PDB file of N, CA and C in Angstrom:
ATOM      1  N   MET A   1      -5.998 102.480  23.744  1.00  0.00           N
ATOM      2  CA  MET A   1      -4.438 102.666  23.509  1.00  0.00           C
ATOM      3  C   MET A   1      -3.732 102.528  22.800  1.00  0.00           C
ATOM      4  N   PRO A   2      -2.210 103.551  21.979  1.00  0.00           N
ATOM      5  CA  PRO A   2      -2.200 103.052  20.856  1.00  0.00           C
ATOM      6  C   PRO A   2      -1.093 101.851  20.763  1.00  0.00           C
ATOM      7  N   LYS A   3      -0.712 101.662  19.964  1.00  0.00           N
ATOM      8  CA  LYS A   3       0.525 100.446  19.525  1.00  0.00           C
ATOM      9  C   LYS A   3       1.676 100.862  19.966  1.00  0.00           C
ATOM     10  N   MET A   4       2.587  99.981  20.555  1.00  0.00           N
ATOM     11  CA  MET A   4       3.684 100.362  21.390  1.00  0.00           C
ATOM     12  C   MET A   4       4.476 100.080  20.201  1.00  0.00           C
ATOM     13  N   LYS A   5       5.484 101.273  20.362  1.00  0.00           N
ATOM     14  CA  LYS A   5       7.115 101.201  19.064  1.00  0.00           C
ATOM     15  C   LYS A   5       7.805 100.302  19.347  1.00  0.00           C
ATOM     16  N   THR A   6       8.505  99.828  18.187  1.00  0.00           N
ATOM     17  CA  THR A   6       9.633  98.998  18.399  1.00  0.00           C
ATOM     18  C   THR A   6      11.066  99.944  18.187  1.00  0.00           C
ATOM     19  N   HIS A   7      11.874  99.714  18.813  1.00  0.00           N
ATOM     20  CA  HIS A   7      13.103 100.532  18.961  1.00  0.00           C
ATOM     21  C   HIS A   7      13.763  99.825  17.646  1.00  0.00           C
ATOM     22  N   ARG A   8      14.029 100.446  16.602  1.00  0.00           N
ATOM     23  CA  ARG A   8      14.243 100.039  15.085  1.00  0.00           C
ATOM     24  C   ARG A   8      15.865  99.484  15.385  1.00  0.00           C
ATOM     25  N   SER A   9      16.593 100.176  15.756  1.00  0.00           N
ATOM     26  CA  SER A   9      17.982 100.232  16.062  1.00  0.00           C
ATOM     27  C   SER A   9      18.090  98.598  16.480  1.00  0.00           C
ATOM     28  N   SER A  10      17.226  98.198  17.846  1.00  0.00           N
ATOM     29  CA  SER A  10      17.327  97.309  18.787  1.00  0.00           C
ATOM     30  C   SER A  10      17.018  96.296  17.384  1.00  0.00           C
ATOM     31  N   ALA A  11      15.806  96.433  16.841  1.00  0.00           N
ATOM     32  CA  ALA A  11      14.834  94.828  15.869  1.00  0.00           C
ATOM     33  C   ALA A  11      16.157  94.952  14.587  1.00  0.00           C
ATOM     34  N   LYS A  12      17.478  95.742  14.376  1.00  0.00           N
ATOM     35  CA  LYS A  12      17.985  95.320  13.567  1.00  0.00           C
ATOM     36  C   LYS A  12      19.375  95.044  13.796  1.00  0.00           C
ATOM     37  N   ARG A  13      19.608  94.699  14.803  1.00  0.00           N
ATOM     38  CA  ARG A  13      20.684  94.126  15.549  1.00  0.00           C
ATOM     39  C   ARG A  13      20.404  92.701  16.522  1.00  0.00           C
ATOM     40  N   LEU A  14      19.461  92.804  17.275  1.00  0.00           N
ATOM     41  CA  LEU A  14      18.917  91.473  17.928  1.00  0.00           C
ATOM     42  C   LEU A  14      17.787  91.041  17.288  1.00  0.00           C
ATOM     43  N   ARG A  15      17.480  89.351  17.857  1.00  0.00           N
ATOM     44  CA  ARG A  15      16.156  89.023  17.372  1.00  0.00           C
ATOM     45  C   ARG A  15      15.649  88.028  18.522  1.00  0.00           C
ATOM     46  N   ILE A  16      14.505  87.439  18.611  1.00  0.00           N
ATOM     47  CA  ILE A  16      14.095  86.468  19.673  1.00  0.00           C
ATOM     48  C   ILE A  16      13.642  85.355  18.958  1.00  0.00           C
ATOM     49  N   THR A  17      14.096  84.368  19.482  1.00  0.00           N
ATOM     50  CA  THR A  17      14.001  83.015  18.954  1.00  0.00           C
ATOM     51  C   THR A  17      12.779  82.592  19.397  1.00  0.00           C
ATOM     52  N   LYS A  18      11.894  81.802  18.590  1.00  0.00           N
ATOM     53  CA  LYS A  18      10.382  81.074  18.871  1.00  0.00           C
ATOM     54  C   LYS A  18      10.597  80.697  20.881  1.00  0.00           C
ATOM     55  N   ARG A  19      11.272  80.283  21.117  1.00  0.00           N
ATOM     56  CA  ARG A  19      11.513  79.892  22.752  1.00  0.00           C
ATOM     57  C   ARG A  19      11.687  81.466  23.495  1.00  0.00           C
ATOM     58  N   GLY A  20      11.650  81.836  23.000  1.00  0.00           N
ATOM     59  CA  GLY A  20      12.192  83.238  23.829  1.00  0.00           C
ATOM     60  C   GLY A  20      13.400  83.782  23.977  1.00  0.00           C
ATOM     61  N   LYS A  21      14.484  83.279  23.472  1.00  0.00           N
ATOM     62  CA  LYS A  21      15.831  83.768  23.829  1.00  0.00           C
ATOM     63  C   LYS A  21      16.243  84.785  22.867  1.00  0.00           C
ATOM     64  N   VAL A  22      17.140  85.694  23.460  1.00  0.00           N
ATOM     65  CA  VAL A  22      17.775  86.827  22.569  1.00  0.00           C
ATOM     66  C   VAL A  22      18.930  86.754  21.946  1.00  0.00           C
ATOM     67  N   VAL A  23      19.003  86.723  20.810  1.00  0.00           N
ATOM     68  CA  VAL A  23      20.218  86.440  20.279  1.00  0.00           C
ATOM     69  C   VAL A  23      20.595  87.640  19.649  1.00  0.00           C
ATOM     70  N   ALA A  24      22.121  88.046  19.353  1.00  0.00           N
ATOM     71  CA  ALA A  24      22.735  89.152  18.987  1.00  0.00           C
ATOM     72  C   ALA A  24      23.715  88.401  18.295  1.00  0.00           C
ATOM     73  N   HIS A  25      24.709  89.490  17.889  1.00  0.00           N
ATOM     74  CA  HIS A  25      26.222  89.120  17.368  1.00  0.00           C
ATOM     75  C   HIS A  25      27.091  89.312  18.140  1.00  0.00           C
ATOM     76  N   HIS A  26      28.125  88.988  18.010  1.00  0.00           N
ATOM     77  CA  HIS A  26      29.219  89.380  18.767  1.00  0.00           C
ATOM     78  C   HIS A  26      29.713  90.409  18.507  1.00  0.00           C
ATOM     79  N   ALA A  27      30.356  91.555  19.583  1.00  0.00           N
ATOM     80  CA  ALA A  27      31.243  92.855  19.539  1.00  0.00           C
ATOM     81  C   ALA A  27      32.713  92.431  19.104  1.00  0.00           C
ATOM     82  N   TYR A  28      33.717  93.270  19.181  1.00  0.00           N
ATOM     83  CA  TYR A  28      34.723  93.319  18.460  1.00  0.00           C
ATOM     84  C   TYR A  28      35.392  92.172  17.126  1.00  0.00           C
ATOM     85  N   ALA A  29      34.461  92.179  16.215  1.00  0.00           N
ATOM     86  CA  ALA A  29      34.876  91.544  15.111  1.00  0.00           C
ATOM     87  C   ALA A  29      34.691  91.813  13.789  1.00  0.00           C
ATOM     88  N   SER A  30      35.012  93.450  14.178  1.00  0.00           N
ATOM     89  CA  SER A  30      34.765  94.160  13.001  1.00  0.00           C
ATOM     90  C   SER A  30      36.464  94.850  12.286  1.00  0.00           C
ATOM     91  N   HIS A  31      37.391  94.932  12.902  1.00  0.00           N
ATOM     92  CA  HIS A  31      38.822  95.728  12.656  1.00  0.00           C
ATOM     93  C   HIS A  31      39.533  95.203  13.430  1.00  0.00           C
ATOM     94  N   LEU A  32      40.717  95.453  13.675  1.00  0.00           N
ATOM     95  CA  LEU A  32      41.758  95.274  14.551  1.00  0.00           C
ATOM     96  C   LEU A  32      41.868  93.668  14.533  1.00  0.00           C
ATOM     97  N   LEU A  33      41.587  93.213  13.662  1.00  0.00           N
ATOM     98  CA  LEU A  33      41.808  91.557  13.721  1.00  0.00           C
ATOM     99  C   LEU A  33      42.738  90.848  13.270  1.00  0.00           C
ATOM    100  N   THR A  34      44.184  91.605  13.066  1.00  0.00           N
ATOM    101  CA  THR A  34      45.481  91.040  12.977  1.00  0.00           C
ATOM    102  C   THR A  34      46.286  90.589  14.078  1.00  0.00           C
ATOM    103  N   HIS A  35      45.668  90.976  15.137  1.00  0.00           N
ATOM    104  CA  HIS A  35      46.530  90.186  16.458  1.00  0.00           C
ATOM    105  C   HIS A  35      45.954  89.285  17.165  1.00  0.00           C
ATOM    106  N   LYS A  36      44.192  89.233  16.682  1.00  0.00           N
ATOM    107  CA  LYS A  36      43.188  88.247  17.411  1.00  0.00           C
ATOM    108  C   LYS A  36      43.546  86.562  16.729  1.00  0.00           C
ATOM    109  N   SER A  37      43.721  86.029  17.658  1.00  0.00           N
ATOM    110  CA  SER A  37      43.825  84.413  16.740  1.00  0.00           C
ATOM    111  C   SER A  37      42.806  83.874  16.466  1.00  0.00           C
ATOM    112  N   GLN A  38      42.967  83.412  15.411  1.00  0.00           N
ATOM    113  CA  GLN A  38      41.945  82.742  14.241  1.00  0.00           C
ATOM    114  C   GLN A  38      40.600  81.923  14.577  1.00  0.00           C
ATOM    115  N   LYS A  39      41.493  80.997  16.034  1.00  0.00           N
ATOM    116  CA  LYS A  39      40.193  80.763  16.765  1.00  0.00           C
ATOM    117  C   LYS A  39      39.132  81.341  17.352  1.00  0.00           C
ATOM    118  N   ARG A  40      39.704  82.819  17.782  1.00  0.00           N
ATOM    119  CA  ARG A  40      39.084  83.889  18.295  1.00  0.00           C
ATOM    120  C   ARG A  40      37.945  84.155  17.343  1.00  0.00           C
ATOM    121  N   LYS A  41      38.658  84.493  16.221  1.00  0.00           N
ATOM    122  CA  LYS A  41      37.969  85.156  15.238  1.00  0.00           C
ATOM    123  C   LYS A  41      36.459  84.526  14.670  1.00  0.00           C
ATOM    124  N   ARG A  42      36.891  83.192  14.696  1.00  0.00           N
ATOM    125  CA  ARG A  42      35.991  82.032  14.261  1.00  0.00           C
ATOM    126  C   ARG A  42      35.080  82.333  14.914  1.00  0.00           C
ATOM    127  N   ASN A  43      35.218  81.833  16.219  1.00  0.00           N
ATOM    128  CA  ASN A  43      33.992  82.156  17.507  1.00  0.00           C
ATOM    129  C   ASN A  43      33.068  83.262  17.716  1.00  0.00           C
ATOM    130  N   LEU A  44      33.980  84.523  16.841  1.00  0.00           N
ATOM    131  CA  LEU A  44      32.828  85.722  17.248  1.00  0.00           C
ATOM    132  C   LEU A  44      32.181  85.883  15.816  1.00  0.00           C
ATOM    133  N   ARG A  45      32.339  85.338  14.619  1.00  0.00           N
ATOM    134  CA  ARG A  45      31.946  85.045  13.701  1.00  0.00           C
ATOM    135  C   ARG A  45      30.034  84.145  14.019  1.00  0.00           C
ATOM    136  N   LYS A  46      29.911  83.385  15.224  1.00  0.00           N
ATOM    137  CA  LYS A  46      28.657  82.912  15.782  1.00  0.00           C
ATOM    138  C   LYS A  46      27.611  83.668  16.252  1.00  0.00           C
ATOM    139  N   SER A  47      26.791  83.912  16.562  1.00  0.00           N
ATOM    140  CA  SER A  47      25.413  84.429  17.276  1.00  0.00           C
ATOM    141  C   SER A  47      26.100  83.755  18.727  1.00  0.00           C
ATOM    142  N   ARG A  48      25.347  85.117  19.705  1.00  0.00           N
ATOM    143  CA  ARG A  48      25.723  84.806  20.845  1.00  0.00           C
ATOM    144  C   ARG A  48      23.821  85.270  21.465  1.00  0.00           C
ATOM    145  N   VAL A  49      23.868  84.179  22.600  1.00  0.00           N
ATOM    146  CA  VAL A  49      22.205  84.455  23.715  1.00  0.00           C
ATOM    147  C   VAL A  49      22.790  85.687  24.470  1.00  0.00           C
ATOM    148  N   VAL A  50      21.927  86.504  24.567  1.00  0.00           N
ATOM    149  CA  VAL A  50      22.319  87.217  25.564  1.00  0.00           C
ATOM    150  C   VAL A  50      21.328  86.898  26.796  1.00  0.00           C
ATOM    151  N   GLU A  51      21.671  87.352  28.197  1.00  0.00           N
ATOM    152  CA  GLU A  51      21.530  86.749  29.314  1.00  0.00           C
ATOM    153  C   GLU A  51      21.741  88.094  30.018  1.00  0.00           C
ATOM    154  N   GLY A  52      21.201  87.737  31.277  1.00  0.00           N
ATOM    155  CA  GLY A  52      20.651  88.670  32.434  1.00  0.00           C
ATOM    156  C   GLY A  52      20.047  89.124  32.212  1.00  0.00           C
ATOM    157  N   ALA A  53      20.241  90.923  32.945  1.00  0.00           N
ATOM    158  CA  ALA A  53      19.734  92.147  33.069  1.00  0.00           C
ATOM    159  C   ALA A  53      19.164  92.576  31.816  1.00  0.00           C
ATOM    160  N   ALA A  54      20.339  92.302  30.838  1.00  0.00           N
ATOM    161  CA  ALA A  54      20.184  92.984  29.132  1.00  0.00           C
ATOM    162  C   ALA A  54      18.740  92.264  28.549  1.00  0.00           C
ATOM    163  N   VAL A  55      18.263  91.339  29.128  1.00  0.00           N
ATOM    164  CA  VAL A  55      17.261  90.595  28.561  1.00  0.00           C
ATOM    165  C   VAL A  55      16.081  91.598  28.385  1.00  0.00           C
ATOM    166  N   ARG A  56      16.140  92.036  29.868  1.00  0.00           N
ATOM    167  CA  ARG A  56      14.435  92.651  30.114  1.00  0.00           C
ATOM    168  C   ARG A  56      14.986  94.168  29.132  1.00  0.00           C
ATOM    169  N   HIS A  57      15.591  94.889  29.236  1.00  0.00           N
ATOM    170  CA  HIS A  57      15.656  96.021  28.494  1.00  0.00           C
ATOM    171  C   HIS A  57      15.516  95.691  27.104  1.00  0.00           C
ATOM    172  N   VAL A  58      16.179  94.395  26.511  1.00  0.00           N
ATOM    173  CA  VAL A  58      15.446  94.274  24.740  1.00  0.00           C
ATOM    174  C   VAL A  58      14.096  93.727  24.931  1.00  0.00           C
ATOM    175  N   ARG A  59      13.279  92.898  25.377  1.00  0.00           N
ATOM    176  CA  ARG A  59      12.395  92.762  25.427  1.00  0.00           C
ATOM    177  C   ARG A  59      11.097  94.461  25.642  1.00  0.00           C
ATOM    178  N   ARG A  60      11.761  95.145  26.420  1.00  0.00           N
ATOM    179  CA  ARG A  60      11.063  96.598  26.459  1.00  0.00           C
ATOM    180  C   ARG A  60      11.291  97.063  24.588  1.00  0.00           C
ATOM    181  N   ALA A  61      12.174  96.857  24.642  1.00  0.00           N
ATOM    182  CA  ALA A  61      12.640  97.806  23.816  1.00  0.00           C
ATOM    183  C   ALA A  61      11.737  97.032  21.779  1.00  0.00           C
ATOM    184  N   LEU A  62      11.403  95.968  22.122  1.00  0.00           N
ATOM    185  CA  LEU A  62      11.104  94.797  21.178  1.00  0.00           C
ATOM    186  C   LEU A  62      10.034  94.305  21.554  1.00  0.00           C
ATOM    187  N   PRO A  63       8.778  95.232  21.750  1.00  0.00           N
ATOM    188  CA  PRO A  63       7.462  94.483  22.290  1.00  0.00           C
ATOM    189  C   PRO A  63       6.541  93.253  21.162  1.00  0.00           C
ATOM    190  N   TYR A  64       7.245  93.141  20.088  1.00  0.00           N
ATOM    191  CA  TYR A  64       6.440  92.453  19.331  1.00  0.00           C
ATOM    192  C   TYR A  64       7.346  91.662  18.418  1.00  0.00           C
ATOM    193  N   GLY A  65       8.275  91.101  19.490  1.00  0.00           N
ATOM    194  CA  GLY A  65       9.327  90.349  18.835  1.00  0.00           C
ATOM    195  C   GLY A  65       9.206  89.217  19.373  1.00  0.00           C
TER     196      GLY A  65
END
């Protein structure tokens, strides 16, 4: 059986921790920032844990993660 291919765009955006959680960056942090509060922008800089049904799709896209 051949090797499975990693979905490269997912590999650049997401990572899997040693405990198996999927970590990603927040959306809405790149532009149109003037009307967003400082607290909101600060929290968007942090990474987030992907939850729910999306984790199943990520694991399929990153088979060796």
